[in-house]
PDB file of N, CA and C in Angstrom:
ATOM      1  N   MET A   1     -39.157 -65.101 -61.019  1.00  0.00           N
ATOM      2  CA  MET A   1     -38.659 -63.885 -60.406  1.00  0.00           C
ATOM      3  C   MET A   1     -37.273 -63.574 -60.967  1.00  0.00           C
ATOM      4  N   ALA A   2     -37.063 -62.340 -61.335  1.00  0.00           N
ATOM      5  CA  ALA A   2     -35.775 -61.903 -61.866  1.00  0.00           C
ATOM      6  C   ALA A   2     -34.727 -61.907 -60.754  1.00  0.00           C
ATOM      7  N   LYS A   3     -33.468 -62.007 -61.145  1.00  0.00           N
ATOM      8  CA  LYS A   3     -32.380 -61.960 -60.168  1.00  0.00           C
ATOM      9  C   LYS A   3     -32.344 -60.571 -59.540  1.00  0.00           C
ATOM     10  N   LEU A   4     -32.226 -60.540 -58.229  1.00  0.00           N
ATOM     11  CA  LEU A   4     -32.167 -59.273 -57.506  1.00  0.00           C
ATOM     12  C   LEU A   4     -30.718 -58.906 -57.220  1.00  0.00           C
ATOM     13  N   THR A   5     -30.404 -57.628 -57.392  1.00  0.00           N
ATOM     14  CA  THR A   5     -29.058 -57.155 -57.075  1.00  0.00           C
ATOM     15  C   THR A   5     -29.045 -56.391 -55.761  1.00  0.00           C
ATOM     16  N   THR A   6     -30.138 -55.683 -55.451  1.00  0.00           N
ATOM     17  CA  THR A   6     -30.206 -54.870 -54.242  1.00  0.00           C
ATOM     18  C   THR A   6     -31.598 -54.965 -53.636  1.00  0.00           C
ATOM     19  N   ILE A   7     -31.649 -55.066 -52.320  1.00  0.00           N
ATOM     20  CA  ILE A   7     -32.919 -55.057 -51.596  1.00  0.00           C
ATOM     21  C   ILE A   7     -32.864 -53.922 -50.589  1.00  0.00           C
ATOM     22  N   GLY A   8     -33.864 -53.061 -50.615  1.00  0.00           N
ATOM     23  CA  GLY A   8     -34.008 -52.006 -49.614  1.00  0.00           C
ATOM     24  C   GLY A   8     -35.033 -52.456 -48.603  1.00  0.00           C
ATOM     25  N   ILE A   9     -34.731 -52.292 -47.318  1.00  0.00           N
ATOM     26  CA  ILE A   9     -35.657 -52.690 -46.265  1.00  0.00           C
ATOM     27  C   ILE A   9     -35.964 -51.483 -45.394  1.00  0.00           C
ATOM     28  N   ASP A  10     -37.262 -51.203 -45.259  1.00  0.00           N
ATOM     29  CA  ASP A  10     -37.722 -50.152 -44.348  1.00  0.00           C
ATOM     30  C   ASP A  10     -38.111 -50.836 -43.050  1.00  0.00           C
ATOM     31  N   LEU A  11     -37.317 -50.632 -42.004  1.00  0.00           N
ATOM     32  CA  LEU A  11     -37.577 -51.252 -40.704  1.00  0.00           C
ATOM     33  C   LEU A  11     -38.669 -50.479 -39.977  1.00  0.00           C
ATOM     34  N   ALA A  12     -39.553 -51.202 -39.311  1.00  0.00           N
ATOM     35  CA  ALA A  12     -40.611 -50.605 -38.505  1.00  0.00           C
ATOM     36  C   ALA A  12     -40.801 -51.477 -37.270  1.00  0.00           C
ATOM     37  N   LYS A  13     -41.835 -51.195 -36.487  1.00  0.00           N
ATOM     38  CA  LYS A  13     -42.043 -51.971 -35.264  1.00  0.00           C
ATOM     39  C   LYS A  13     -42.457 -53.402 -35.547  1.00  0.00           C
ATOM     40  N   ASN A  14     -43.513 -53.588 -36.333  1.00  0.00           N
ATOM     41  CA  ASN A  14     -44.052 -54.934 -36.525  1.00  0.00           C
ATOM     42  C   ASN A  14     -43.913 -55.480 -37.942  1.00  0.00           C
ATOM     43  N   THR A  15     -44.064 -54.633 -38.942  1.00  0.00           N
ATOM     44  CA  THR A  15     -43.948 -55.099 -40.325  1.00  0.00           C
ATOM     45  C   THR A  15     -42.863 -54.315 -41.044  1.00  0.00           C
ATOM     46  N   PHE A  16     -42.133 -55.030 -41.902  1.00  0.00           N
ATOM     47  CA  PHE A  16     -41.047 -54.435 -42.668  1.00  0.00           C
ATOM     48  C   PHE A  16     -41.424 -54.461 -44.141  1.00  0.00           C
ATOM     49  N   ALA A  17     -41.106 -53.392 -44.853  1.00  0.00           N
ATOM     50  CA  ALA A  17     -41.329 -53.353 -46.299  1.00  0.00           C
ATOM     51  C   ALA A  17     -40.008 -53.670 -46.991  1.00  0.00           C
ATOM     52  N   LEU A  18     -40.049 -54.574 -47.978  1.00  0.00           N
ATOM     53  CA  LEU A  18     -38.873 -54.955 -48.754  1.00  0.00           C
ATOM     54  C   LEU A  18     -39.119 -54.562 -50.201  1.00  0.00           C
ATOM     55  N   TYR A  19     -38.095 -53.994 -50.835  1.00  0.00           N
ATOM     56  CA  TYR A  19     -38.195 -53.574 -52.230  1.00  0.00           C
ATOM     57  C   TYR A  19     -36.936 -54.052 -52.929  1.00  0.00           C
ATOM     58  N   GLY A  20     -37.089 -54.941 -53.911  1.00  0.00           N
ATOM     59  CA  GLY A  20     -35.946 -55.518 -54.602  1.00  0.00           C
ATOM     60  C   GLY A  20     -35.742 -54.909 -55.975  1.00  0.00           C
ATOM     61  N   LEU A  21     -34.485 -54.604 -56.300  1.00  0.00           N
ATOM     62  CA  LEU A  21     -34.131 -54.067 -57.611  1.00  0.00           C
ATOM     63  C   LEU A  21     -33.369 -55.124 -58.411  1.00  0.00           C
ATOM     64  N   GLY A  22     -33.693 -55.200 -59.696  1.00  0.00           N
ATOM     65  CA  GLY A  22     -32.999 -56.117 -60.590  1.00  0.00           C
ATOM     66  C   GLY A  22     -31.718 -55.499 -61.125  1.00  0.00           C
ATOM     67  N   PRO A  23     -31.026 -56.207 -62.037  1.00  0.00           N
ATOM     68  CA  PRO A  23     -29.728 -55.741 -62.555  1.00  0.00           C
ATOM     69  C   PRO A  23     -29.798 -54.397 -63.288  1.00  0.00           C
ATOM     70  N   LYS A  24     -30.928 -54.070 -63.873  1.00  0.00           N
ATOM     71  CA  LYS A  24     -31.035 -52.798 -64.607  1.00  0.00           C
ATOM     72  C   LYS A  24     -31.738 -51.727 -63.790  1.00  0.00           C
ATOM     73  N   GLY A  25     -31.905 -51.938 -62.490  1.00  0.00           N
ATOM     74  CA  GLY A  25     -32.524 -50.945 -61.621  1.00  0.00           C
ATOM     75  C   GLY A  25     -34.039 -50.997 -61.599  1.00  0.00           C
ATOM     76  N   GLN A  26     -34.635 -51.966 -62.289  1.00  0.00           N
ATOM     77  CA  GLN A  26     -36.090 -52.075 -62.301  1.00  0.00           C
ATOM     78  C   GLN A  26     -36.567 -52.811 -61.049  1.00  0.00           C
ATOM     79  N   CYS A  27     -37.834 -52.639 -60.729  1.00  0.00           N
ATOM     80  CA  CYS A  27     -38.405 -53.300 -59.554  1.00  0.00           C
ATOM     81  C   CYS A  27     -38.493 -54.798 -59.804  1.00  0.00           C
ATOM     82  N   GLY A  28     -37.794 -55.589 -59.008  1.00  0.00           N
ATOM     83  CA  GLY A  28     -37.867 -57.038 -59.104  1.00  0.00           C
ATOM     84  C   GLY A  28     -39.078 -57.559 -58.348  1.00  0.00           C
ATOM     85  N   TRP A  29     -39.298 -57.047 -57.150  1.00  0.00           N
ATOM     86  CA  TRP A  29     -40.475 -57.377 -56.352  1.00  0.00           C
ATOM     87  C   TRP A  29     -40.552 -56.493 -55.133  1.00  0.00           C
ATOM     88  N   LYS A  30     -41.718 -56.489 -54.509  1.00  0.00           N
ATOM     89  CA  LYS A  30     -41.865 -55.804 -53.235  1.00  0.00           C
ATOM     90  C   LYS A  30     -42.747 -56.660 -52.337  1.00  0.00           C
ATOM     91  N   ARG A  31     -42.410 -56.672 -51.078  1.00  0.00           N
ATOM     92  CA  ARG A  31     -43.105 -57.504 -50.099  1.00  0.00           C
ATOM     93  C   ARG A  31     -43.258 -56.743 -48.795  1.00  0.00           C
ATOM     94  N   LYS A  32     -44.233 -57.130 -48.032  1.00  0.00           N
ATOM     95  CA  LYS A  32     -44.388 -56.649 -46.661  1.00  0.00           C
ATOM     96  C   LYS A  32     -44.361 -57.898 -45.785  1.00  0.00           C
ATOM     97  N   VAL A  33     -43.452 -57.944 -44.824  1.00  0.00           N
ATOM     98  CA  VAL A  33     -43.309 -59.125 -43.976  1.00  0.00           C
ATOM     99  C   VAL A  33     -43.331 -58.710 -42.507  1.00  0.00           C
ATOM    100  N   ARG A  34     -43.760 -59.638 -41.680  1.00  0.00           N
ATOM    101  CA  ARG A  34     -43.722 -59.415 -40.231  1.00  0.00           C
ATOM    102  C   ARG A  34     -42.283 -59.610 -39.747  1.00  0.00           C
ATOM    103  N   ARG A  35     -42.032 -59.069 -38.580  1.00  0.00           N
ATOM    104  CA  ARG A  35     -40.693 -59.136 -37.978  1.00  0.00           C
ATOM    105  C   ARG A  35     -40.139 -60.566 -37.966  1.00  0.00           C
ATOM    106  N   LYS A  36     -40.966 -61.543 -37.588  1.00  0.00           N
ATOM    107  CA  LYS A  36     -40.523 -62.942 -37.496  1.00  0.00           C
ATOM    108  C   LYS A  36     -40.202 -63.546 -38.855  1.00  0.00           C
ATOM    109  N   GLN A  37     -40.793 -63.001 -39.937  1.00  0.00           N
ATOM    110  CA  GLN A  37     -40.642 -63.585 -41.266  1.00  0.00           C
ATOM    111  C   GLN A  37     -39.464 -63.013 -42.059  1.00  0.00           C
ATOM    112  N   LEU A  38     -38.845 -61.962 -41.578  1.00  0.00           N
ATOM    113  CA  LEU A  38     -37.815 -61.277 -42.373  1.00  0.00           C
ATOM    114  C   LEU A  38     -36.669 -62.217 -42.747  1.00  0.00           C
ATOM    115  N   LEU A  39     -36.088 -62.880 -41.770  1.00  0.00           N
ATOM    116  CA  LEU A  39     -34.937 -63.738 -42.061  1.00  0.00           C
ATOM    117  C   LEU A  39     -35.347 -64.947 -42.895  1.00  0.00           C
ATOM    118  N   GLU A  40     -36.562 -65.474 -42.674  1.00  0.00           N
ATOM    119  CA  GLU A  40     -37.073 -66.582 -43.489  1.00  0.00           C
ATOM    120  C   GLU A  40     -37.169 -66.168 -44.959  1.00  0.00           C
ATOM    121  N   GLN A  41     -37.605 -64.935 -45.202  1.00  0.00           N
ATOM    122  CA  GLN A  41     -37.744 -64.428 -46.566  1.00  0.00           C
ATOM    123  C   GLN A  41     -36.371 -64.251 -47.226  1.00  0.00           C
ATOM    124  N   LEU A  42     -35.403 -63.727 -46.465  1.00  0.00           N
ATOM    125  CA  LEU A  42     -34.088 -63.435 -47.033  1.00  0.00           C
ATOM    126  C   LEU A  42     -33.231 -64.690 -47.233  1.00  0.00           C
ATOM    127  N   VAL A  43     -33.454 -65.728 -46.444  1.00  0.00           N
ATOM    128  CA  VAL A  43     -32.652 -66.937 -46.587  1.00  0.00           C
ATOM    129  C   VAL A  43     -32.971 -67.649 -47.901  1.00  0.00           C
ATOM    130  N   ARG A  44     -34.150 -67.427 -48.449  1.00  0.00           N
ATOM    131  CA  ARG A  44     -34.552 -68.047 -49.725  1.00  0.00           C
ATOM    132  C   ARG A  44     -33.921 -67.391 -50.948  1.00  0.00           C
ATOM    133  N   LEU A  45     -33.391 -66.194 -50.776  1.00  0.00           N
ATOM    134  CA  LEU A  45     -32.857 -65.431 -51.909  1.00  0.00           C
ATOM    135  C   LEU A  45     -31.363 -65.689 -52.097  1.00  0.00           C
ATOM    136  N   GLU A  46     -30.919 -65.543 -53.354  1.00  0.00           N
ATOM    137  CA  GLU A  46     -29.484 -65.607 -53.619  1.00  0.00           C
ATOM    138  C   GLU A  46     -28.808 -64.420 -52.941  1.00  0.00           C
ATOM    139  N   PRO A  47     -27.552 -64.583 -52.523  1.00  0.00           N
ATOM    140  CA  PRO A  47     -26.858 -63.466 -51.877  1.00  0.00           C
ATOM    141  C   PRO A  47     -26.844 -62.219 -52.768  1.00  0.00           C
ATOM    142  N   CYS A  48     -27.171 -61.092 -52.162  1.00  0.00           N
ATOM    143  CA  CYS A  48     -27.179 -59.808 -52.870  1.00  0.00           C
ATOM    144  C   CYS A  48     -26.895 -58.706 -51.850  1.00  0.00           C
ATOM    145  N   LYS A  49     -26.953 -57.473 -52.298  1.00  0.00           N
ATOM    146  CA  LYS A  49     -26.741 -56.343 -51.400  1.00  0.00           C
ATOM    147  C   LYS A  49     -28.070 -55.996 -50.732  1.00  0.00           C
ATOM    148  N   VAL A  50     -28.049 -55.862 -49.413  1.00  0.00           N
ATOM    149  CA  VAL A  50     -29.236 -55.497 -48.646  1.00  0.00           C
ATOM    150  C   VAL A  50     -28.937 -54.172 -47.962  1.00  0.00           C
ATOM    151  N   ALA A  51     -29.778 -53.173 -48.209  1.00  0.00           N
ATOM    152  CA  ALA A  51     -29.560 -51.841 -47.658  1.00  0.00           C
ATOM    153  C   ALA A  51     -30.632 -51.510 -46.625  1.00  0.00           C
ATOM    154  N   LEU A  52     -30.193 -50.884 -45.542  1.00  0.00           N
ATOM    155  CA  LEU A  52     -31.081 -50.458 -44.459  1.00  0.00           C
ATOM    156  C   LEU A  52     -30.734 -49.029 -44.081  1.00  0.00           C
ATOM    157  N   GLU A  53     -31.706 -48.297 -43.551  1.00  0.00           N
ATOM    158  CA  GLU A  53     -31.400 -46.990 -42.974  1.00  0.00           C
ATOM    159  C   GLU A  53     -30.775 -47.230 -41.605  1.00  0.00           C
ATOM    160  N   ALA A  54     -29.725 -46.497 -41.304  1.00  0.00           N
ATOM    161  CA  ALA A  54     -29.059 -46.659 -40.011  1.00  0.00           C
ATOM    162  C   ALA A  54     -29.955 -46.123 -38.896  1.00  0.00           C
ATOM    163  N   CYS A  55     -30.199 -46.958 -37.903  1.00  0.00           N
ATOM    164  CA  CYS A  55     -30.968 -46.568 -36.721  1.00  0.00           C
ATOM    165  C   CYS A  55     -30.563 -47.516 -35.598  1.00  0.00           C
ATOM    166  N   GLY A  56     -31.218 -47.422 -34.460  1.00  0.00           N
ATOM    167  CA  GLY A  56     -30.857 -48.250 -33.310  1.00  0.00           C
ATOM    168  C   GLY A  56     -30.915 -49.741 -33.581  1.00  0.00           C
ATOM    169  N   SER A  57     -31.981 -50.217 -34.213  1.00  0.00           N
ATOM    170  CA  SER A  57     -32.134 -51.661 -34.424  1.00  0.00           C
ATOM    171  C   SER A  57     -31.478 -52.151 -35.715  1.00  0.00           C
ATOM    172  N   SER A  58     -31.071 -51.255 -36.586  1.00  0.00           N
ATOM    173  CA  SER A  58     -30.538 -51.673 -37.884  1.00  0.00           C
ATOM    174  C   SER A  58     -29.223 -52.446 -37.750  1.00  0.00           C
ATOM    175  N   HIS A  59     -28.436 -52.145 -36.735  1.00  0.00           N
ATOM    176  CA  HIS A  59     -27.162 -52.860 -36.553  1.00  0.00           C
ATOM    177  C   HIS A  59     -27.420 -54.323 -36.194  1.00  0.00           C
ATOM    178  N   TYR A  60     -28.433 -54.575 -35.354  1.00  0.00           N
ATOM    179  CA  TYR A  60     -28.812 -55.948 -35.023  1.00  0.00           C
ATOM    180  C   TYR A  60     -29.245 -56.694 -36.283  1.00  0.00           C
ATOM    181  N   TRP A  61     -30.165 -56.080 -37.048  1.00  0.00           N
ATOM    182  CA  TRP A  61     -30.675 -56.733 -38.257  1.00  0.00           C
ATOM    183  C   TRP A  61     -29.566 -56.922 -39.281  1.00  0.00           C
ATOM    184  N   ALA A  62     -28.662 -55.977 -39.381  1.00  0.00           N
ATOM    185  CA  ALA A  62     -27.557 -56.088 -40.335  1.00  0.00           C
ATOM    186  C   ALA A  62     -26.679 -57.301 -40.012  1.00  0.00           C
ATOM    187  N   ARG A  63     -26.400 -57.520 -38.731  1.00  0.00           N
ATOM    188  CA  ARG A  63     -25.591 -58.687 -38.346  1.00  0.00           C
ATOM    189  C   ARG A  63     -26.316 -59.991 -38.682  1.00  0.00           C
ATOM    190  N   GLN A  64     -27.629 -60.045 -38.436  1.00  0.00           N
ATOM    191  CA  GLN A  64     -28.415 -61.245 -38.729  1.00  0.00           C
ATOM    192  C   GLN A  64     -28.445 -61.529 -40.231  1.00  0.00           C
ATOM    193  N   ILE A  65     -28.637 -60.469 -41.033  1.00  0.00           N
ATOM    194  CA  ILE A  65     -28.729 -60.621 -42.495  1.00  0.00           C
ATOM    195  C   ILE A  65     -27.365 -60.989 -43.075  1.00  0.00           C
ATOM    196  N   GLN A  66     -26.305 -60.409 -42.535  1.00  0.00           N
ATOM    197  CA  GLN A  66     -24.948 -60.715 -42.996  1.00  0.00           C
ATOM    198  C   GLN A  66     -24.623 -62.189 -42.753  1.00  0.00           C
ATOM    199  N   ALA A  67     -25.120 -62.740 -41.661  1.00  0.00           N
ATOM    200  CA  ALA A  67     -24.883 -64.155 -41.345  1.00  0.00           C
ATOM    201  C   ALA A  67     -25.537 -65.076 -42.376  1.00  0.00           C
ATOM    202  N   LEU A  68     -26.525 -64.576 -43.119  1.00  0.00           N
ATOM    203  CA  LEU A  68     -27.174 -65.359 -44.175  1.00  0.00           C
ATOM    204  C   LEU A  68     -26.387 -65.326 -45.483  1.00  0.00           C
ATOM    205  N   GLY A  69     -25.319 -64.520 -45.542  1.00  0.00           N
ATOM    206  CA  GLY A  69     -24.483 -64.462 -46.737  1.00  0.00           C
ATOM    207  C   GLY A  69     -24.709 -63.241 -47.607  1.00  0.00           C
ATOM    208  N   HIS A  70     -25.576 -62.340 -47.178  1.00  0.00           N
ATOM    209  CA  HIS A  70     -25.830 -61.118 -47.952  1.00  0.00           C
ATOM    210  C   HIS A  70     -24.808 -60.044 -47.572  1.00  0.00           C
ATOM    211  N   GLN A  71     -24.570 -59.128 -48.501  1.00  0.00           N
ATOM    212  CA  GLN A  71     -23.718 -57.967 -48.230  1.00  0.00           C
ATOM    213  C   GLN A  71     -24.640 -56.873 -47.698  1.00  0.00           C
ATOM    214  N   VAL A  72     -24.374 -56.362 -46.510  1.00  0.00           N
ATOM    215  CA  VAL A  72     -25.272 -55.398 -45.868  1.00  0.00           C
ATOM    216  C   VAL A  72     -24.651 -54.010 -45.879  1.00  0.00           C
ATOM    217  N   GLU A  73     -25.499 -53.023 -46.122  1.00  0.00           N
ATOM    218  CA  GLU A  73     -25.063 -51.630 -46.166  1.00  0.00           C
ATOM    219  C   GLU A  73     -26.038 -50.800 -45.339  1.00  0.00           C
ATOM    220  N   LEU A  74     -25.514 -50.037 -44.377  1.00  0.00           N
ATOM    221  CA  LEU A  74     -26.338 -49.137 -43.574  1.00  0.00           C
ATOM    222  C   LEU A  74     -26.138 -47.721 -44.096  1.00  0.00           C
ATOM    223  N   LEU A  75     -27.238 -47.070 -44.449  1.00  0.00           N
ATOM    224  CA  LEU A  75     -27.165 -45.735 -45.034  1.00  0.00           C
ATOM    225  C   LEU A  75     -27.708 -44.682 -44.069  1.00  0.00           C
ATOM    226  N   PRO A  76     -27.074 -43.503 -44.003  1.00  0.00           N
ATOM    227  CA  PRO A  76     -27.580 -42.432 -43.143  1.00  0.00           C
ATOM    228  C   PRO A  76     -28.952 -41.950 -43.642  1.00  0.00           C
ATOM    229  N   PRO A  77     -29.949 -41.868 -42.753  1.00  0.00           N
ATOM    230  CA  PRO A  77     -31.312 -41.506 -43.169  1.00  0.00           C
ATOM    231  C   PRO A  77     -31.410 -40.142 -43.863  1.00  0.00           C
ATOM    232  N   GLN A  78     -30.589 -39.185 -43.458  1.00  0.00           N
ATOM    233  CA  GLN A  78     -30.680 -37.856 -44.061  1.00  0.00           C
ATOM    234  C   GLN A  78     -30.286 -37.868 -45.534  1.00  0.00           C
ATOM    235  N   HIS A  79     -29.457 -38.828 -45.952  1.00  0.00           N
ATOM    236  CA  HIS A  79     -29.060 -38.927 -47.355  1.00  0.00           C
ATOM    237  C   HIS A  79     -30.060 -39.725 -48.184  1.00  0.00           C
ATOM    238  N   VAL A  80     -30.759 -40.638 -47.551  1.00  0.00           N
ATOM    239  CA  VAL A  80     -31.761 -41.449 -48.255  1.00  0.00           C
ATOM    240  C   VAL A  80     -32.973 -40.604 -48.614  1.00  0.00           C
ATOM    241  N   LYS A  81     -33.284 -39.623 -47.798  1.00  0.00           N
ATOM    242  CA  LYS A  81     -34.483 -38.795 -47.992  1.00  0.00           C
ATOM    243  C   LYS A  81     -34.527 -38.163 -49.383  1.00  0.00           C
ATOM    244  N   GLY A  82     -33.382 -37.843 -49.957  1.00  0.00           N
ATOM    245  CA  GLY A  82     -33.327 -37.242 -51.278  1.00  0.00           C
ATOM    246  C   GLY A  82     -33.791 -38.164 -52.398  1.00  0.00           C
ATOM    247  N   TYR A  83     -33.860 -39.466 -52.135  1.00  0.00           N
ATOM    248  CA  TYR A  83     -34.278 -40.443 -53.152  1.00  0.00           C
ATOM    249  C   TYR A  83     -35.760 -40.789 -53.047  1.00  0.00           C
ATOM    250  N   LEU A  84     -36.440 -40.248 -52.043  1.00  0.00           N
ATOM    251  CA  LEU A  84     -37.850 -40.555 -51.822  1.00  0.00           C
ATOM    252  C   LEU A  84     -38.721 -39.901 -52.882  1.00  0.00           C
ATOM    253  N   ARG A  85     -39.599 -40.712 -53.481  1.00  0.00           N
ATOM    254  CA  ARG A  85     -40.546 -40.200 -54.487  1.00  0.00           C
ATOM    255  C   ARG A  85     -41.960 -40.422 -53.986  1.00  0.00           C
ATOM    256  N   GLY A  86     -42.836 -39.472 -54.230  1.00  0.00           N
ATOM    257  CA  GLY A  86     -44.235 -39.632 -53.846  1.00  0.00           C
ATOM    258  C   GLY A  86     -44.429 -39.468 -52.351  1.00  0.00           C
ATOM    259  N   GLN A  87     -45.588 -39.920 -51.892  1.00  0.00           N
ATOM    260  CA  GLN A  87     -45.922 -39.827 -50.480  1.00  0.00           C
ATOM    261  C   GLN A  87     -45.025 -40.739 -49.650  1.00  0.00           C
ATOM    262  N   LYS A  88     -44.818 -40.350 -48.416  1.00  0.00           N
ATOM    263  CA  LYS A  88     -44.008 -41.179 -47.521  1.00  0.00           C
ATOM    264  C   LYS A  88     -44.847 -42.365 -47.052  1.00  0.00           C
ATOM    265  N   ASN A  89     -44.428 -43.560 -47.438  1.00  0.00           N
ATOM    266  CA  ASN A  89     -45.028 -44.790 -46.932  1.00  0.00           C
ATOM    267  C   ASN A  89     -43.936 -45.857 -46.915  1.00  0.00           C
ATOM    268  N   ASP A  90     -44.268 -47.024 -46.394  1.00  0.00           N
ATOM    269  CA  ASP A  90     -43.242 -48.060 -46.206  1.00  0.00           C
ATOM    270  C   ASP A  90     -42.594 -48.489 -47.518  1.00  0.00           C
ATOM    271  N   TYR A  91     -43.407 -48.727 -48.561  1.00  0.00           N
ATOM    272  CA  TYR A  91     -42.843 -49.181 -49.841  1.00  0.00           C
ATOM    273  C   TYR A  91     -41.982 -48.096 -50.485  1.00  0.00           C
ATOM    274  N   ASN A  92     -42.442 -46.853 -50.457  1.00  0.00           N
ATOM    275  CA  ASN A  92     -41.651 -45.770 -51.045  1.00  0.00           C
ATOM    276  C   ASN A  92     -40.344 -45.565 -50.281  1.00  0.00           C
ATOM    277  N   ASP A  93     -40.392 -45.735 -48.959  1.00  0.00           N
ATOM    278  CA  ASP A  93     -39.160 -45.631 -48.161  1.00  0.00           C
ATOM    279  C   ASP A  93     -38.188 -46.749 -48.530  1.00  0.00           C
ATOM    280  N   ALA A  94     -38.695 -47.981 -48.656  1.00  0.00           N
ATOM    281  CA  ALA A  94     -37.835 -49.114 -49.023  1.00  0.00           C
ATOM    282  C   ALA A  94     -37.245 -48.915 -50.422  1.00  0.00           C
ATOM    283  N   GLN A  95     -38.050 -48.378 -51.345  1.00  0.00           N
ATOM    284  CA  GLN A  95     -37.556 -48.106 -52.697  1.00  0.00           C
ATOM    285  C   GLN A  95     -36.457 -47.049 -52.655  1.00  0.00           C
ATOM    286  N   ALA A  96     -36.644 -45.998 -51.863  1.00  0.00           N
ATOM    287  CA  ALA A  96     -35.633 -44.940 -51.752  1.00  0.00           C
ATOM    288  C   ALA A  96     -34.330 -45.494 -51.170  1.00  0.00           C
ATOM    289  N   ILE A  97     -34.427 -46.390 -50.200  1.00  0.00           N
ATOM    290  CA  ILE A  97     -33.241 -46.999 -49.601  1.00  0.00           C
ATOM    291  C   ILE A  97     -32.492 -47.825 -50.643  1.00  0.00           C
ATOM    292  N   ALA A  98     -33.231 -48.634 -51.407  1.00  0.00           N
ATOM    293  CA  ALA A  98     -32.604 -49.475 -52.437  1.00  0.00           C
ATOM    294  C   ALA A  98     -31.938 -48.618 -53.504  1.00  0.00           C
ATOM    295  N   GLU A  99     -32.624 -47.576 -53.965  1.00  0.00           N
ATOM    296  CA  GLU A  99     -32.056 -46.720 -55.020  1.00  0.00           C
ATOM    297  C   GLU A  99     -30.862 -45.925 -54.515  1.00  0.00           C
ATOM    298  N   ALA A 100     -30.897 -45.473 -53.269  1.00  0.00           N
ATOM    299  CA  ALA A 100     -29.747 -44.758 -52.700  1.00  0.00           C
ATOM    300  C   ALA A 100     -28.531 -45.681 -52.629  1.00  0.00           C
ATOM    301  N   SER A 101     -28.767 -46.933 -52.296  1.00  0.00           N
ATOM    302  CA  SER A 101     -27.680 -47.906 -52.235  1.00  0.00           C
ATOM    303  C   SER A 101     -27.113 -48.195 -53.624  1.00  0.00           C
ATOM    304  N   GLU A 102     -27.996 -48.314 -54.610  1.00  0.00           N
ATOM    305  CA  GLU A 102     -27.567 -48.570 -55.994  1.00  0.00           C
ATOM    306  C   GLU A 102     -26.739 -47.410 -56.535  1.00  0.00           C
ATOM    307  N   HIS A 103     -27.103 -46.195 -56.145  1.00  0.00           N
ATOM    308  CA  HIS A 103     -26.406 -45.013 -56.653  1.00  0.00           C
ATOM    309  C   HIS A 103     -24.939 -45.048 -56.278  1.00  0.00           C
ATOM    310  N   GLY A 104     -24.646 -45.515 -55.050  1.00  0.00           N
ATOM    311  CA  GLY A 104     -23.263 -45.742 -54.643  1.00  0.00           C
ATOM    312  C   GLY A 104     -22.458 -44.531 -54.230  1.00  0.00           C
ATOM    313  N   ARG A 105     -23.063 -43.358 -54.164  1.00  0.00           N
ATOM    314  CA  ARG A 105     -22.286 -42.173 -53.799  1.00  0.00           C
ATOM    315  C   ARG A 105     -22.462 -41.796 -52.333  1.00  0.00           C
ATOM    316  N   ILE A 106     -23.251 -42.580 -51.609  1.00  0.00           N
ATOM    317  CA  ILE A 106     -23.470 -42.310 -50.191  1.00  0.00           C
ATOM    318  C   ILE A 106     -22.509 -43.171 -49.375  1.00  0.00           C
ATOM    319  N   ARG A 107     -21.816 -42.529 -48.467  1.00  0.00           N
ATOM    320  CA  ARG A 107     -20.875 -43.270 -47.611  1.00  0.00           C
ATOM    321  C   ARG A 107     -21.674 -44.023 -46.551  1.00  0.00           C
ATOM    322  N   PRO A 108     -21.537 -45.360 -46.511  1.00  0.00           N
ATOM    323  CA  PRO A 108     -22.320 -46.141 -45.531  1.00  0.00           C
ATOM    324  C   PRO A 108     -21.814 -45.945 -44.103  1.00  0.00           C
ATOM    325  N   VAL A 109     -22.700 -46.203 -43.163  1.00  0.00           N
ATOM    326  CA  VAL A 109     -22.379 -46.148 -41.737  1.00  0.00           C
ATOM    327  C   VAL A 109     -21.695 -47.467 -41.371  1.00  0.00           C
ATOM    328  N   PRO A 110     -20.585 -47.431 -40.614  1.00  0.00           N
ATOM    329  CA  PRO A 110     -19.920 -48.687 -40.218  1.00  0.00           C
ATOM    330  C   PRO A 110     -20.829 -49.526 -39.323  1.00  0.00           C
ATOM    331  N   LEU A 111     -20.808 -50.822 -39.537  1.00  0.00           N
ATOM    332  CA  LEU A 111     -21.624 -51.760 -38.765  1.00  0.00           C
ATOM    333  C   LEU A 111     -21.005 -51.960 -37.378  1.00  0.00           C
ATOM    334  N   LYS A 112     -21.840 -51.851 -36.341  1.00  0.00           N
ATOM    335  CA  LYS A 112     -21.372 -52.054 -34.975  1.00  0.00           C
ATOM    336  C   LYS A 112     -21.533 -53.509 -34.589  1.00  0.00           C
ATOM    337  N   GLY A 113     -20.577 -54.010 -33.830  1.00  0.00           N
ATOM    338  CA  GLY A 113     -20.661 -55.375 -33.327  1.00  0.00           C
ATOM    339  C   GLY A 113     -21.627 -55.449 -32.152  1.00  0.00           C
ATOM    340  N   ALA A 114     -21.968 -56.628 -31.711  1.00  0.00           N
ATOM    341  CA  ALA A 114     -22.927 -56.815 -30.617  1.00  0.00           C
ATOM    342  C   ALA A 114     -22.427 -56.178 -29.311  1.00  0.00           C
ATOM    343  N   GLU A 115     -21.129 -56.233 -29.064  1.00  0.00           N
ATOM    344  CA  GLU A 115     -20.591 -55.674 -27.829  1.00  0.00           C
ATOM    345  C   GLU A 115     -20.589 -54.150 -27.814  1.00  0.00           C
ATOM    346  N   GLN A 116     -20.637 -53.525 -28.956  1.00  0.00           N
ATOM    347  CA  GLN A 116     -20.669 -52.054 -29.009  1.00  0.00           C
ATOM    348  C   GLN A 116     -22.042 -51.573 -28.671  1.00  0.00           C
TER     349      GLN A 116
END
């Protein structure tokens, strides 16, 4: 497996889609994992940037992923939509999140602490 620089995660109720980008922006891998398996999957990877769309549960997941040593970025959903290609599905959403994060021109949403 090639070294991953950015992982986009599309959060859902039961299964999450993960899309990893390599150093040149190419697809490193894509996975679909259950809610319980997400942190197990990410702990095996070298620290990299993990991008999520900002929503109610994304702040919780961002804190958990950050504790594993990854750099977490929450992106506003309205800005990610412009990077979506093809039909809307979990993998395409995760790819759009990863590419929006790689582009670097979107201002991330500040991460909220547990008490907020």
